[in-house]
């Protein structure tokens, strides 16, 4: 009987060592859990969009391409330029005043110039090049956004699955430790054969995730 208890005790120690990374702190020095807010998938996507250099670069390039197309389109529109002037000449009794070149003591000038190139091949080619560059930049930004979402979703659920596996392993460890304690308490009143002890040892190790499915 003592041999069975020794085997189960060794198995329990192996479980504790194998899962020591995930074991809780001793009850003598409890540490209060940190009050943290769980990270949701939407929060993870928001953080990724704010910190991904590739995504931000693609978005910036797309916005710059939009502005380049607007500038190229503005070059196709007609422009209007105006100029106003007032010239005052000291009068001296003559129509032209002191300066003979002037038309009079008070001269008002205004010029308006309208310029447009609606059929300029160079302007239209520049606009079409800018429009094609904008479409390419938008496509790259869309690819970067889709890739970012795909990567974040995959990694997020990988972490969630890993966390659930850790929680399941910790629960199995607690159950195995409780089983070991109960078995030690019942040891003086229970008689086990060698085969039963081996079977219980395999079940204990399997519950802690250290072995494959136990065989009978």
C-alpha atoms as a PDB file:
ATOM      1  CA  UNK A   1       0.000   0.000   0.000  1.00  0.00           C
ATOM      2  CA  UNK A   2       2.823   2.380   0.789  1.00  0.00           C
ATOM      3  CA  UNK A   3       4.229   1.731  -2.711  1.00  0.00           C
ATOM      4  CA  UNK A   4       0.916   2.850  -4.280  1.00  0.00           C
ATOM      5  CA  UNK A   5       0.893   6.036  -2.231  1.00  0.00           C
ATOM      6  CA  UNK A   6       4.509   6.678  -3.193  1.00  0.00           C
ATOM      7  CA  UNK A   7       3.749   6.235  -6.884  1.00  0.00           C
ATOM      8  CA  UNK A   8       0.771   8.564  -6.724  1.00  0.00           C
ATOM      9  CA  UNK A   9       2.784  11.082  -4.764  1.00  0.00           C
ATOM     10  CA  UNK A  10       5.528  11.021  -7.432  1.00  0.00           C
ATOM     11  CA  UNK A  11       2.860  11.457 -10.117  1.00  0.00           C
ATOM     12  CA  UNK A  12       1.418  14.412  -8.254  1.00  0.00           C
ATOM     13  CA  UNK A  13       4.849  15.999  -7.981  1.00  0.00           C
ATOM     14  CA  UNK A  14       5.415  15.462 -11.699  1.00  0.00           C
ATOM     15  CA  UNK A  15       2.113  17.193 -12.428  1.00  0.00           C
ATOM     16  CA  UNK A  16       3.050  20.102 -10.217  1.00  0.00           C
ATOM     17  CA  UNK A  17       6.474  20.448 -11.875  1.00  0.00           C
ATOM     18  CA  UNK A  18       5.036  20.078 -15.380  1.00  0.00           C
ATOM     19  CA  UNK A  19       2.445  22.771 -14.809  1.00  0.00           C
ATOM     20  CA  UNK A  20       4.500  24.868 -12.398  1.00  0.00           C
ATOM     21  CA  UNK A  21       4.487  27.787 -14.806  1.00  0.00           C
ATOM     22  CA  UNK A  22       0.714  27.991 -14.574  1.00  0.00           C
ATOM     23  CA  UNK A  23       0.380  27.121 -10.903  1.00  0.00           C
ATOM     24  CA  UNK A  24      -1.162  29.630  -8.527  1.00  0.00           C
ATOM     25  CA  UNK A  25       0.852  31.500  -5.895  1.00  0.00           C
ATOM     26  CA  UNK A  26       1.005  29.993  -2.390  1.00  0.00           C
ATOM     27  CA  UNK A  27      -1.908  30.747  -0.113  1.00  0.00           C
ATOM     28  CA  UNK A  28       0.473  32.258   2.457  1.00  0.00           C
ATOM     29  CA  UNK A  29       1.206  35.210   0.118  1.00  0.00           C
ATOM     30  CA  UNK A  30      -1.895  35.746  -2.031  1.00  0.00           C
ATOM     31  CA  UNK A  31      -1.641  38.384  -4.733  1.00  0.00           C
ATOM     32  CA  UNK A  32      -4.875  40.150  -5.690  1.00  0.00           C
ATOM     33  CA  UNK A  33      -5.759  39.815  -9.387  1.00  0.00           C
ATOM     34  CA  UNK A  34      -5.186  42.917 -11.464  1.00  0.00           C
ATOM     35  CA  UNK A  35      -8.344  44.701 -12.525  1.00  0.00           C
ATOM     36  CA  UNK A  36      -7.876  44.727 -16.285  1.00  0.00           C
ATOM     37  CA  UNK A  37     -10.427  45.184 -19.036  1.00  0.00           C
ATOM     38  CA  UNK A  38     -10.582  42.257 -21.477  1.00  0.00           C
ATOM     39  CA  UNK A  39      -9.294  43.087 -24.948  1.00  0.00           C
ATOM     40  CA  UNK A  40     -12.047  42.671 -27.527  1.00  0.00           C
ATOM     41  CA  UNK A  41     -11.549  41.980 -31.222  1.00  0.00           C
ATOM     42  CA  UNK A  42     -12.683  45.493 -32.128  1.00  0.00           C
ATOM     43  CA  UNK A  43     -10.164  46.986 -29.686  1.00  0.00           C
ATOM     44  CA  UNK A  44      -7.421  44.829 -31.173  1.00  0.00           C
ATOM     45  CA  UNK A  45      -8.302  46.021 -34.696  1.00  0.00           C
ATOM     46  CA  UNK A  46      -8.319  49.659 -33.554  1.00  0.00           C
ATOM     47  CA  UNK A  47      -4.891  49.315 -31.944  1.00  0.00           C
ATOM     48  CA  UNK A  48      -3.523  47.533 -35.001  1.00  0.00           C
ATOM     49  CA  UNK A  49      -4.767  50.267 -37.357  1.00  0.00           C
ATOM     50  CA  UNK A  50      -3.206  52.931 -35.140  1.00  0.00           C
ATOM     51  CA  UNK A  51       0.200  51.226 -34.834  1.00  0.00           C
ATOM     52  CA  UNK A  52       0.748  49.274 -38.062  1.00  0.00           C
ATOM     53  CA  UNK A  53       3.388  51.165 -40.081  1.00  0.00           C
ATOM     54  CA  UNK A  54       2.533  49.342 -43.314  1.00  0.00           C
ATOM     55  CA  UNK A  55      -1.170  50.147 -42.966  1.00  0.00           C
ATOM     56  CA  UNK A  56      -0.535  53.805 -42.104  1.00  0.00           C
ATOM     57  CA  UNK A  57       1.910  54.196 -45.001  1.00  0.00           C
ATOM     58  CA  UNK A  58      -0.625  52.757 -47.460  1.00  0.00           C
ATOM     59  CA  UNK A  59      -3.368  55.062 -46.163  1.00  0.00           C
ATOM     60  CA  UNK A  60      -1.088  58.102 -46.381  1.00  0.00           C
ATOM     61  CA  UNK A  61      -0.050  57.224 -49.930  1.00  0.00           C
ATOM     62  CA  UNK A  62      -3.721  56.896 -50.929  1.00  0.00           C
ATOM     63  CA  UNK A  63      -4.557  60.336 -49.484  1.00  0.00           C
ATOM     64  CA  UNK A  64      -1.586  61.923 -51.258  1.00  0.00           C
ATOM     65  CA  UNK A  65      -2.661  60.346 -54.550  1.00  0.00           C
ATOM     66  CA  UNK A  66      -6.141  61.854 -54.096  1.00  0.00           C
ATOM     67  CA  UNK A  67      -4.632  65.319 -53.653  1.00  0.00           C
ATOM     68  CA  UNK A  68      -2.387  64.858 -56.709  1.00  0.00           C
ATOM     69  CA  UNK A  69      -5.435  64.006 -58.818  1.00  0.00           C
ATOM     70  CA  UNK A  70      -7.262  67.110 -57.551  1.00  0.00           C
ATOM     71  CA  UNK A  71      -4.280  69.279 -58.470  1.00  0.00           C
ATOM     72  CA  UNK A  72      -4.103  67.753 -61.955  1.00  0.00           C
ATOM     73  CA  UNK A  73      -7.844  68.305 -62.421  1.00  0.00           C
ATOM     74  CA  UNK A  74      -7.557  71.917 -61.279  1.00  0.00           C
ATOM     75  CA  UNK A  75      -4.938  72.498 -63.988  1.00  0.00           C
ATOM     76  CA  UNK A  76      -7.601  71.711 -66.619  1.00  0.00           C
ATOM     77  CA  UNK A  77      -9.944  74.442 -65.379  1.00  0.00           C
ATOM     78  CA  UNK A  78      -9.689  78.011 -66.744  1.00  0.00           C
ATOM     79  CA  UNK A  79      -8.005  80.630 -64.578  1.00  0.00           C
ATOM     80  CA  UNK A  80      -8.867  84.309 -64.157  1.00  0.00           C
ATOM     81  CA  UNK A  81      -6.235  86.867 -63.173  1.00  0.00           C
ATOM     82  CA  UNK A  82      -6.937  90.513 -62.425  1.00  0.00           C
ATOM     83  CA  UNK A  83      -4.790  93.583 -61.898  1.00  0.00           C
ATOM     84  CA  UNK A  84      -5.870  97.022 -60.654  1.00  0.00           C
ATOM     85  CA  UNK A  85      -3.823 100.212 -60.484  1.00  0.00           C
ATOM     86  CA  UNK A  86      -4.257 103.879 -59.544  1.00  0.00           C
ATOM     87  CA  UNK A  87      -1.709 106.523 -60.568  1.00  0.00           C
ATOM     88  CA  UNK A  88      -1.862 110.000 -59.168  1.00  0.00           C
ATOM     89  CA  UNK A  89       0.118 112.823 -60.795  1.00  0.00           C
ATOM     90  CA  UNK A  90       0.632 116.279 -59.376  1.00  0.00           C
ATOM     91  CA  UNK A  91      -1.539 118.601 -61.441  1.00  0.00           C
ATOM     92  CA  UNK A  92       0.023 121.680 -63.056  1.00  0.00           C
ATOM     93  CA  UNK A  93      -2.848 123.033 -65.091  1.00  0.00           C
ATOM     94  CA  UNK A  94      -2.274 120.773 -68.087  1.00  0.00           C
ATOM     95  CA  UNK A  95      -4.253 117.630 -68.946  1.00  0.00           C
ATOM     96  CA  UNK A  96      -1.285 115.355 -68.339  1.00  0.00           C
ATOM     97  CA  UNK A  97       0.000 116.946 -65.166  1.00  0.00           C
ATOM     98  CA  UNK A  98       3.675 117.164 -64.290  1.00  0.00           C
ATOM     99  CA  UNK A  99       4.552 113.917 -66.116  1.00  0.00           C
ATOM    100  CA  UNK A 100       3.774 114.204 -69.766  1.00  0.00           C
ATOM    101  CA  UNK A 101       3.508 110.409 -70.201  1.00  0.00           C
ATOM    102  CA  UNK A 102       0.431 110.196 -67.999  1.00  0.00           C
ATOM    103  CA  UNK A 103      -3.064 110.520 -69.382  1.00  0.00           C
ATOM    104  CA  UNK A 104      -4.122 112.786 -66.548  1.00  0.00           C
ATOM    105  CA  UNK A 105      -3.574 113.609 -62.883  1.00  0.00           C
ATOM    106  CA  UNK A 106      -5.634 110.588 -61.847  1.00  0.00           C
ATOM    107  CA  UNK A 107      -5.304 107.390 -63.791  1.00  0.00           C
ATOM    108  CA  UNK A 108      -7.187 104.133 -63.029  1.00  0.00           C
ATOM    109  CA  UNK A 109      -6.060 100.937 -64.729  1.00  0.00           C
ATOM    110  CA  UNK A 110      -7.572  97.429 -64.532  1.00  0.00           C
ATOM    111  CA  UNK A 111      -6.690  94.273 -66.474  1.00  0.00           C
ATOM    112  CA  UNK A 112      -8.448  90.906 -66.493  1.00  0.00           C
ATOM    113  CA  UNK A 113      -6.835  87.822 -68.031  1.00  0.00           C
ATOM    114  CA  UNK A 114      -8.633  84.535 -68.667  1.00  0.00           C
ATOM    115  CA  UNK A 115      -6.473  81.500 -69.414  1.00  0.00           C
ATOM    116  CA  UNK A 116      -7.482  77.904 -70.033  1.00  0.00           C
ATOM    117  CA  UNK A 117      -6.148  74.791 -71.748  1.00  0.00           C
ATOM    118  CA  UNK A 118      -9.216  72.586 -72.237  1.00  0.00           C
ATOM    119  CA  UNK A 119      -7.703  70.673 -75.159  1.00  0.00           C
ATOM    120  CA  UNK A 120      -4.092  70.461 -73.943  1.00  0.00           C
ATOM    121  CA  UNK A 121      -2.871  66.889 -74.435  1.00  0.00           C
ATOM    122  CA  UNK A 122      -0.186  67.343 -71.784  1.00  0.00           C
ATOM    123  CA  UNK A 123      -2.699  68.490 -69.140  1.00  0.00           C
ATOM    124  CA  UNK A 124      -5.068  65.630 -69.905  1.00  0.00           C
ATOM    125  CA  UNK A 125      -2.260  63.079 -69.812  1.00  0.00           C
ATOM    126  CA  UNK A 126      -1.112  64.427 -66.434  1.00  0.00           C
ATOM    127  CA  UNK A 127      -4.669  64.134 -65.111  1.00  0.00           C
ATOM    128  CA  UNK A 128      -5.056  60.565 -66.352  1.00  0.00           C
ATOM    129  CA  UNK A 129      -1.702  59.560 -64.867  1.00  0.00           C
ATOM    130  CA  UNK A 130      -2.724  61.071 -61.510  1.00  0.00           C
ATOM    131  CA  UNK A 131      -6.093  59.271 -61.655  1.00  0.00           C
ATOM    132  CA  UNK A 132      -4.387  55.929 -62.385  1.00  0.00           C
ATOM    133  CA  UNK A 133      -1.921  56.505 -59.540  1.00  0.00           C
ATOM    134  CA  UNK A 134      -4.838  57.254 -57.211  1.00  0.00           C
ATOM    135  CA  UNK A 135      -6.601  54.020 -58.184  1.00  0.00           C
ATOM    136  CA  UNK A 136      -3.403  52.017 -57.600  1.00  0.00           C
ATOM    137  CA  UNK A 137      -2.831  53.668 -54.211  1.00  0.00           C
ATOM    138  CA  UNK A 138      -6.422  52.982 -53.149  1.00  0.00           C
ATOM    139  CA  UNK A 139      -6.046  49.333 -54.178  1.00  0.00           C
ATOM    140  CA  UNK A 140      -2.838  49.004 -52.143  1.00  0.00           C
ATOM    141  CA  UNK A 141      -4.518  50.618 -49.133  1.00  0.00           C
ATOM    142  CA  UNK A 142      -7.440  48.206 -49.436  1.00  0.00           C
ATOM    143  CA  UNK A 143      -5.073  45.221 -49.625  1.00  0.00           C
ATOM    144  CA  UNK A 144      -3.184  46.481 -46.580  1.00  0.00           C
ATOM    145  CA  UNK A 145      -6.445  46.915 -44.649  1.00  0.00           C
ATOM    146  CA  UNK A 146      -7.671  43.424 -45.545  1.00  0.00           C
ATOM    147  CA  UNK A 147      -4.331  41.874 -44.641  1.00  0.00           C
ATOM    148  CA  UNK A 148      -4.281  43.701 -41.329  1.00  0.00           C
ATOM    149  CA  UNK A 149      -7.777  42.498 -40.417  1.00  0.00           C
ATOM    150  CA  UNK A 150      -6.959  38.914 -41.433  1.00  0.00           C
ATOM    151  CA  UNK A 151      -3.758  38.863 -39.380  1.00  0.00           C
ATOM    152  CA  UNK A 152      -5.334  40.441 -36.304  1.00  0.00           C
ATOM    153  CA  UNK A 153      -8.359  38.117 -36.364  1.00  0.00           C
ATOM    154  CA  UNK A 154      -6.173  35.027 -36.765  1.00  0.00           C
ATOM    155  CA  UNK A 155      -3.796  36.037 -33.976  1.00  0.00           C
ATOM    156  CA  UNK A 156      -6.648  37.136 -31.709  1.00  0.00           C
ATOM    157  CA  UNK A 157      -8.462  33.818 -31.847  1.00  0.00           C
ATOM    158  CA  UNK A 158      -5.172  31.937 -31.573  1.00  0.00           C
ATOM    159  CA  UNK A 159      -4.524  33.743 -28.293  1.00  0.00           C
ATOM    160  CA  UNK A 160      -8.099  33.095 -27.143  1.00  0.00           C
ATOM    161  CA  UNK A 161      -7.762  29.373 -27.899  1.00  0.00           C
ATOM    162  CA  UNK A 162      -4.407  29.247 -26.111  1.00  0.00           C
ATOM    163  CA  UNK A 163      -5.860  30.991 -23.066  1.00  0.00           C
ATOM    164  CA  UNK A 164      -8.710  28.490 -22.928  1.00  0.00           C
ATOM    165  CA  UNK A 165      -6.250  25.610 -23.187  1.00  0.00           C
ATOM    166  CA  UNK A 166      -4.249  27.086 -20.299  1.00  0.00           C
ATOM    167  CA  UNK A 167      -7.436  27.463 -18.230  1.00  0.00           C
ATOM    168  CA  UNK A 168      -8.400  23.872 -19.012  1.00  0.00           C
ATOM    169  CA  UNK A 169      -4.935  22.640 -18.034  1.00  0.00           C
ATOM    170  CA  UNK A 170      -5.080  24.571 -14.765  1.00  0.00           C
ATOM    171  CA  UNK A 171      -8.499  23.078 -14.004  1.00  0.00           C
ATOM    172  CA  UNK A 172      -7.163  19.591 -14.746  1.00  0.00           C
ATOM    173  CA  UNK A 173      -4.214  20.281 -12.442  1.00  0.00           C
ATOM    174  CA  UNK A 174      -6.516  21.339  -9.599  1.00  0.00           C
ATOM    175  CA  UNK A 175      -8.664  18.250 -10.081  1.00  0.00           C
ATOM    176  CA  UNK A 176      -5.601  15.990 -10.129  1.00  0.00           C
ATOM    177  CA  UNK A 177      -4.239  17.576  -6.957  1.00  0.00           C
ATOM    178  CA  UNK A 178      -7.634  17.222  -5.251  1.00  0.00           C
ATOM    179  CA  UNK A 179      -7.798  13.580  -6.338  1.00  0.00           C
ATOM    180  CA  UNK A 180      -4.338  12.960  -4.922  1.00  0.00           C
ATOM    181  CA  UNK A 181      -5.271  14.520  -1.590  1.00  0.00           C
ATOM    182  CA  UNK A 182      -8.470  12.482  -1.371  1.00  0.00           C
ATOM    183  CA  UNK A 183      -6.559   9.315  -2.206  1.00  0.00           C
ATOM    184  CA  UNK A 184      -4.001  10.024   0.510  1.00  0.00           C
ATOM    185  CA  UNK A 185      -6.801  10.498   3.046  1.00  0.00           C
ATOM    186  CA  UNK A 186      -8.426   7.205   2.037  1.00  0.00           C
ATOM    187  CA  UNK A 187      -5.150   5.272   1.872  1.00  0.00           C
ATOM    188  CA  UNK A 188      -5.498   3.592   5.327  1.00  0.00           C
ATOM    189  CA  UNK A 189      -8.931   2.146   4.371  1.00  0.00           C
ATOM    190  CA  UNK A 190      -8.366   1.253   0.699  1.00  0.00           C
ATOM    191  CA  UNK A 191      -6.432  -1.717  -0.611  1.00  0.00           C
ATOM    192  CA  UNK A 192      -5.173  -1.407  -4.188  1.00  0.00           C
ATOM    193  CA  UNK A 193      -3.426  -3.939  -6.398  1.00  0.00           C
ATOM    194  CA  UNK A 194      -0.416  -3.058  -8.491  1.00  0.00           C
ATOM    195  CA  UNK A 195      -2.527  -2.932 -11.669  1.00  0.00           C
ATOM    196  CA  UNK A 196      -5.042  -0.578 -10.051  1.00  0.00           C
ATOM    197  CA  UNK A 197      -2.274   1.695  -8.845  1.00  0.00           C
ATOM    198  CA  UNK A 198      -0.750   1.855 -12.346  1.00  0.00           C
ATOM    199  CA  UNK A 199      -4.144   2.619 -13.866  1.00  0.00           C
ATOM    200  CA  UNK A 200      -4.818   5.394 -11.378  1.00  0.00           C
ATOM    201  CA  UNK A 201      -1.361   6.830 -11.989  1.00  0.00           C
ATOM    202  CA  UNK A 202      -1.973   6.951 -15.737  1.00  0.00           C
ATOM    203  CA  UNK A 203      -5.374   8.584 -15.164  1.00  0.00           C
ATOM    204  CA  UNK A 204      -3.780  11.167 -12.893  1.00  0.00           C
ATOM    205  CA  UNK A 205      -1.108  12.054 -15.435  1.00  0.00           C
ATOM    206  CA  UNK A 206      -3.670  12.184 -18.235  1.00  0.00           C
ATOM    207  CA  UNK A 207      -5.874  14.537 -16.237  1.00  0.00           C
ATOM    208  CA  UNK A 208      -2.926  16.928 -15.987  1.00  0.00           C
ATOM    209  CA  UNK A 209      -2.222  16.655 -19.714  1.00  0.00           C
ATOM    210  CA  UNK A 210       1.152  14.922 -19.379  1.00  0.00           C
ATOM    211  CA  UNK A 211       0.237  11.705 -21.193  1.00  0.00           C
ATOM    212  CA  UNK A 212      -2.047  10.553 -23.985  1.00  0.00           C
ATOM    213  CA  UNK A 213      -5.397   8.861 -23.469  1.00  0.00           C
ATOM    214  CA  UNK A 214      -5.085   6.305 -20.643  1.00  0.00           C
ATOM    215  CA  UNK A 215      -5.488   2.638 -21.520  1.00  0.00           C
ATOM    216  CA  UNK A 216      -7.264   0.076 -19.320  1.00  0.00           C
END
